[in-house]
Amino acid sequence: MTDETSSQRASGRLARLPILIILLAAGIGAVALRDQLSFAQLAQHHDTLLMWRDSYYALTVAGFLLAYVAVVGLSLPGATVFTLAGGFMFGVFPGVVFNVVAATTGACLIFLAARSGFGARLSARLAQGGGAAARLQAALQRNELSVLLIMRLVPVVPFVLANLIPACLGVRLGRFALTTAVGILPATLIFTSVGAGLADVFAAGTQPDLAVLLKPQVLLPLLGLALLAALPLFVAPLRRVR
């Protein structure tokens, strides 16, 4: 075995380390933090959170952003609770900005970890292998913006998969970050608004309606946005036929 081969293998193992850490943290978090990062905990400590916000606003914002990025970047449970907390502590604005920035940053960390760990090699193998997989990859790459926006707008694809799939298809980081921020904005705005009204919920001792995304008045506009994002998928083939 040559020194170059050994170096390449060591480099490959090092590149896989971030995604392995994320997978390990996600597994541990699903068991150990399921009850810690919950709405019940938010309700229990909401007075303390407001006290920190009022006394140390900048520090609270920084801590909130770092914690939210860690939750998303390590695929820990509690992202929805953090979105609600962002609205509760900071209001609809700038709460929605903090939520979108933190969620997008965390998603980009997963994307980069997956791409360096296995995504880049898998994308290259698909392209070189030819066949149906290569044709599908090429079709998706021709319509990257539309496909990525649809994955974010329609609440069907799990958030984690929406971070991993683009890493395996050779999507560029800039486009991934842009479509993530734009695509999650509508749903994030809705949950941030719900969070901004949690004071009354806490006072009543009840829980917020988190099924709000499934209500027709909310779901239909989201589906309409997804259809607009999908238009290039239908327009381009028609132009080629003409």
Protein backbone atom coordinates (compact mmCIF):
# COMPACT_ATOMS: atom_id res chain seq x y z
CA MET A 1 0.00 0.00 0.00
CA THR A 2 1.47 3.34 -1.05
CA ASP A 3 1.61 6.48 1.05
CA GLU A 4 -0.76 8.16 -1.41
CA THR A 5 -3.36 5.39 -1.02
CA SER A 6 -3.10 5.55 2.76
CA SER A 7 -3.49 9.31 2.67
CA GLN A 8 -6.58 9.04 0.47
CA ARG A 9 -8.19 6.51 2.79
CA ALA A 10 -7.42 8.63 5.83
CA SER A 11 -8.86 11.66 4.06
CA GLY A 12 -11.98 9.67 3.18
CA ARG A 13 -12.50 8.58 6.77
CA LEU A 14 -12.03 12.16 7.96
CA ALA A 15 -14.57 13.41 5.41
CA ARG A 16 -17.15 10.91 6.70
CA LEU A 17 -16.64 11.95 10.33
CA PRO A 18 -19.10 14.91 10.35
CA ILE A 19 -22.03 12.91 8.98
CA LEU A 20 -21.24 10.04 11.36
CA ILE A 21 -21.28 12.48 14.30
CA ILE A 22 -24.64 13.83 13.12
CA LEU A 23 -26.11 10.33 12.82
CA LEU A 24 -24.83 9.40 16.27
CA ALA A 25 -26.16 12.61 17.81
CA ALA A 26 -29.54 12.12 16.11
CA GLY A 27 -29.82 8.60 17.51
CA ILE A 28 -28.88 9.65 21.03
CA GLY A 29 -31.06 12.76 20.87
CA ALA A 30 -34.13 10.82 19.75
CA VAL A 31 -33.92 8.83 23.00
CA ALA A 32 -32.38 11.22 25.52
CA LEU A 33 -33.81 14.60 24.47
CA ARG A 34 -37.30 13.67 23.32
CA ASP A 35 -38.87 14.90 26.57
CA GLN A 36 -36.36 17.71 27.17
CA LEU A 37 -36.93 19.65 23.94
CA SER A 38 -40.71 19.61 24.16
CA PHE A 39 -43.62 22.02 24.42
CA ALA A 40 -44.07 21.04 28.08
CA GLN A 41 -40.54 22.26 28.83
CA LEU A 42 -41.21 25.49 26.94
CA ALA A 43 -44.36 26.03 28.98
CA GLN A 44 -42.53 25.29 32.22
CA HIS A 45 -39.65 27.70 31.59
CA HIS A 46 -41.38 30.45 29.59
CA ASP A 47 -41.06 33.02 32.38
CA THR A 48 -37.32 32.38 32.63
CA LEU A 49 -36.92 32.77 28.87
CA LEU A 50 -38.69 36.13 28.95
CA MET A 51 -36.54 37.25 31.87
CA TRP A 52 -33.37 36.42 29.94
CA ARG A 53 -34.71 38.18 26.85
CA ASP A 54 -35.56 41.34 28.77
CA SER A 55 -32.28 41.40 30.72
CA TYR A 56 -29.78 40.18 28.11
CA TYR A 57 -31.42 40.59 24.71
CA ALA A 58 -28.34 40.23 22.47
CA LEU A 59 -27.00 37.29 24.47
CA THR A 60 -30.41 35.61 24.38
CA VAL A 61 -30.64 36.04 20.61
CA ALA A 62 -27.15 34.57 20.13
CA GLY A 63 -27.88 31.65 22.44
CA PHE A 64 -31.21 30.97 20.75
CA LEU A 65 -29.63 30.98 17.28
CA LEU A 66 -26.78 28.67 18.31
CA ALA A 67 -29.13 26.25 20.05
CA TYR A 68 -31.56 26.19 17.09
CA VAL A 69 -28.71 25.62 14.62
CA ALA A 70 -27.43 22.76 16.80
CA VAL A 71 -30.89 21.15 16.96
CA VAL A 72 -31.33 21.27 13.18
CA GLY A 73 -27.69 20.56 12.30
CA LEU A 74 -27.57 17.48 14.54
CA SER A 75 -31.10 16.36 13.58
CA LEU A 76 -32.24 16.51 17.21
CA PRO A 77 -35.92 16.55 18.17
CA GLY A 78 -37.43 19.91 19.01
CA ALA A 79 -37.13 22.07 15.86
CA THR A 80 -40.86 22.87 15.96
CA VAL A 81 -40.61 23.83 19.64
CA PHE A 82 -37.73 26.17 18.82
CA THR A 83 -39.77 27.79 16.06
CA LEU A 84 -42.60 28.39 18.52
CA ALA A 85 -40.11 29.70 21.08
CA GLY A 86 -38.71 32.13 18.53
CA GLY A 87 -42.16 33.62 18.03
CA PHE A 88 -42.91 33.62 21.75
CA MET A 89 -39.68 35.36 22.78
CA PHE A 90 -39.13 37.73 19.86
CA GLY A 91 -42.54 38.17 18.25
CA VAL A 92 -43.48 37.48 14.65
CA PHE A 93 -40.74 39.89 13.63
CA PRO A 94 -37.83 39.53 14.09
CA GLY A 95 -38.70 36.03 15.35
CA VAL A 96 -39.38 34.69 11.85
CA VAL A 97 -36.01 36.04 10.66
CA PHE A 98 -34.18 34.32 13.53
CA ASN A 99 -36.05 31.07 12.87
CA VAL A 100 -35.39 31.02 9.12
CA VAL A 101 -31.70 31.93 9.54
CA ALA A 102 -31.13 29.27 12.20
CA ALA A 103 -33.04 26.51 10.37
CA THR A 104 -31.33 27.29 7.06
CA THR A 105 -27.88 27.33 8.68
CA GLY A 106 -28.51 24.00 10.38
CA ALA A 107 -29.78 22.50 7.12
CA CYS A 108 -26.65 23.71 5.31
CA LEU A 109 -24.47 22.02 7.93
CA ILE A 110 -26.22 18.68 7.32
CA PHE A 111 -25.96 19.22 3.57
CA LEU A 112 -22.21 19.91 3.73
CA ALA A 113 -21.59 16.98 6.07
CA ALA A 114 -23.50 14.60 3.81
CA ARG A 115 -21.87 15.92 0.64
CA SER A 116 -18.35 15.54 2.01
CA GLY A 117 -19.13 12.18 3.61
CA PHE A 118 -20.77 10.36 0.73
CA GLY A 119 -22.87 12.71 -1.38
CA ALA A 120 -20.19 13.95 -3.77
CA ARG A 121 -18.94 10.43 -4.55
CA LEU A 122 -22.48 9.09 -4.98
CA SER A 123 -23.36 11.95 -7.32
CA ALA A 124 -20.25 11.26 -9.43
CA ARG A 125 -21.00 7.54 -9.60
CA LEU A 126 -24.58 8.18 -10.71
CA ALA A 127 -23.39 10.51 -13.46
CA GLN A 128 -20.70 8.09 -14.66
CA GLY A 129 -22.87 5.00 -14.41
CA GLY A 130 -25.38 6.11 -17.04
CA GLY A 131 -28.79 4.52 -17.28
CA ALA A 132 -32.03 5.61 -15.64
CA ALA A 133 -30.34 6.92 -12.48
CA ALA A 134 -28.08 9.23 -14.49
CA ARG A 135 -31.00 10.48 -16.60
CA LEU A 136 -33.04 11.18 -13.45
CA GLN A 137 -30.12 13.02 -11.91
CA ALA A 138 -29.66 15.12 -15.05
CA ALA A 139 -33.38 15.94 -15.17
CA LEU A 140 -33.36 17.06 -11.56
CA GLN A 141 -30.26 19.16 -12.11
CA ARG A 142 -31.93 20.94 -15.05
CA ASN A 143 -34.77 21.93 -12.72
CA GLU A 144 -32.90 22.32 -9.44
CA LEU A 145 -34.67 25.43 -8.20
CA SER A 146 -38.16 24.08 -8.87
CA VAL A 147 -37.51 20.66 -7.36
CA LEU A 148 -35.80 22.06 -4.25
CA LEU A 149 -38.58 24.60 -3.67
CA ILE A 150 -41.27 21.95 -4.02
CA MET A 151 -39.50 19.74 -1.48
CA ARG A 152 -39.56 22.61 1.02
CA LEU A 153 -43.00 24.04 0.30
CA VAL A 154 -45.01 20.81 0.39
CA PRO A 155 -44.95 19.37 3.94
CA VAL A 156 -44.54 15.80 2.69
CA VAL A 157 -40.77 15.27 2.40
CA PRO A 158 -39.20 15.06 5.90
CA PHE A 159 -36.88 17.98 6.61
CA VAL A 160 -33.85 15.72 7.12
CA LEU A 161 -34.37 13.93 3.79
CA ALA A 162 -34.78 17.29 2.07
CA ASN A 163 -31.26 18.06 3.33
CA LEU A 164 -29.70 14.74 2.36
CA ILE A 165 -31.20 14.18 -1.11
CA PRO A 166 -29.71 17.35 -2.68
CA ALA A 167 -26.30 16.40 -1.24
CA CYS A 168 -26.46 13.18 -3.26
CA LEU A 169 -27.44 14.93 -6.50
CA GLY A 170 -24.63 17.44 -6.82
CA VAL A 171 -26.68 20.49 -5.86
CA ARG A 172 -24.62 23.61 -5.23
CA LEU A 173 -24.58 25.04 -1.71
CA GLY A 174 -25.79 28.50 -2.80
CA ARG A 175 -28.90 27.14 -4.49
CA PHE A 176 -29.57 24.78 -1.61
CA ALA A 177 -29.37 27.60 0.94
CA LEU A 178 -31.53 29.94 -1.15
CA THR A 179 -34.31 27.44 -1.81
CA THR A 180 -34.24 26.29 1.80
CA ALA A 181 -34.69 29.82 3.16
CA VAL A 182 -37.41 30.72 0.65
CA GLY A 183 -39.15 27.35 0.82
CA ILE A 184 -39.43 27.13 4.61
CA LEU A 185 -40.47 30.78 5.00
CA PRO A 186 -44.29 30.29 4.66
CA ALA A 187 -44.54 27.44 7.18
CA THR A 188 -42.03 29.09 9.50
CA LEU A 189 -44.04 32.32 9.43
CA ILE A 190 -47.18 30.39 10.40
CA PHE A 191 -45.53 28.59 13.33
CA THR A 192 -43.79 31.78 14.44
CA SER A 193 -47.18 33.51 14.50
CA VAL A 194 -48.56 30.65 16.60
CA GLY A 195 -45.59 31.06 18.94
CA ALA A 196 -46.22 34.79 19.25
CA GLY A 197 -49.64 33.99 20.74
CA LEU A 198 -48.40 31.44 23.28
CA ALA A 199 -48.81 33.82 26.24
CA ASP A 200 -52.57 33.21 26.15
CA VAL A 201 -52.03 29.48 25.66
CA PHE A 202 -49.77 29.29 28.71
CA ALA A 203 -52.24 31.32 30.76
CA ALA A 204 -55.05 28.93 29.82
CA GLY A 205 -52.92 25.85 30.45
CA THR A 206 -53.65 24.42 27.00
CA GLN A 207 -51.53 23.54 23.95
CA PRO A 208 -51.36 25.32 20.57
CA ASP A 209 -52.97 23.86 17.46
CA LEU A 210 -49.94 22.49 15.61
CA ALA A 211 -52.15 20.96 12.92
CA VAL A 212 -52.60 24.44 11.50
CA LEU A 213 -50.63 23.53 8.36
CA LEU A 214 -53.27 20.94 7.44
CA LYS A 215 -56.14 23.42 7.51
CA PRO A 216 -57.47 24.28 4.02
CA GLN A 217 -56.90 28.02 4.43
CA VAL A 218 -53.22 27.31 5.07
CA LEU A 219 -52.55 24.15 3.05
CA LEU A 220 -54.14 25.38 -0.18
CA PRO A 221 -51.94 28.50 -0.48
CA LEU A 222 -48.87 26.34 0.20
CA LEU A 223 -49.93 23.94 -2.53
CA GLY A 224 -50.52 26.92 -4.82
CA LEU A 225 -46.95 28.11 -4.20
CA ALA A 226 -45.70 24.59 -4.89
CA LEU A 227 -47.56 24.55 -8.21
CA LEU A 228 -46.00 27.87 -9.17
CA ALA A 229 -42.58 26.44 -8.34
CA ALA A 230 -43.39 23.39 -10.48
CA LEU A 231 -44.33 25.38 -13.59
CA PRO A 232 -40.81 25.25 -15.10
CA LEU A 233 -40.99 21.44 -14.93
CA PHE A 234 -43.88 21.54 -17.41
CA VAL A 235 -42.96 24.59 -19.48
CA ALA A 236 -39.46 23.42 -20.46
CA PRO A 237 -40.62 20.10 -22.05
CA LEU A 238 -43.34 21.93 -23.98
CA ARG A 239 -40.79 24.36 -25.37
CA ARG A 240 -38.54 21.51 -26.46
CA VAL A 241 -41.48 19.81 -28.20
CA ARG A 242 -42.36 23.02 -30.04
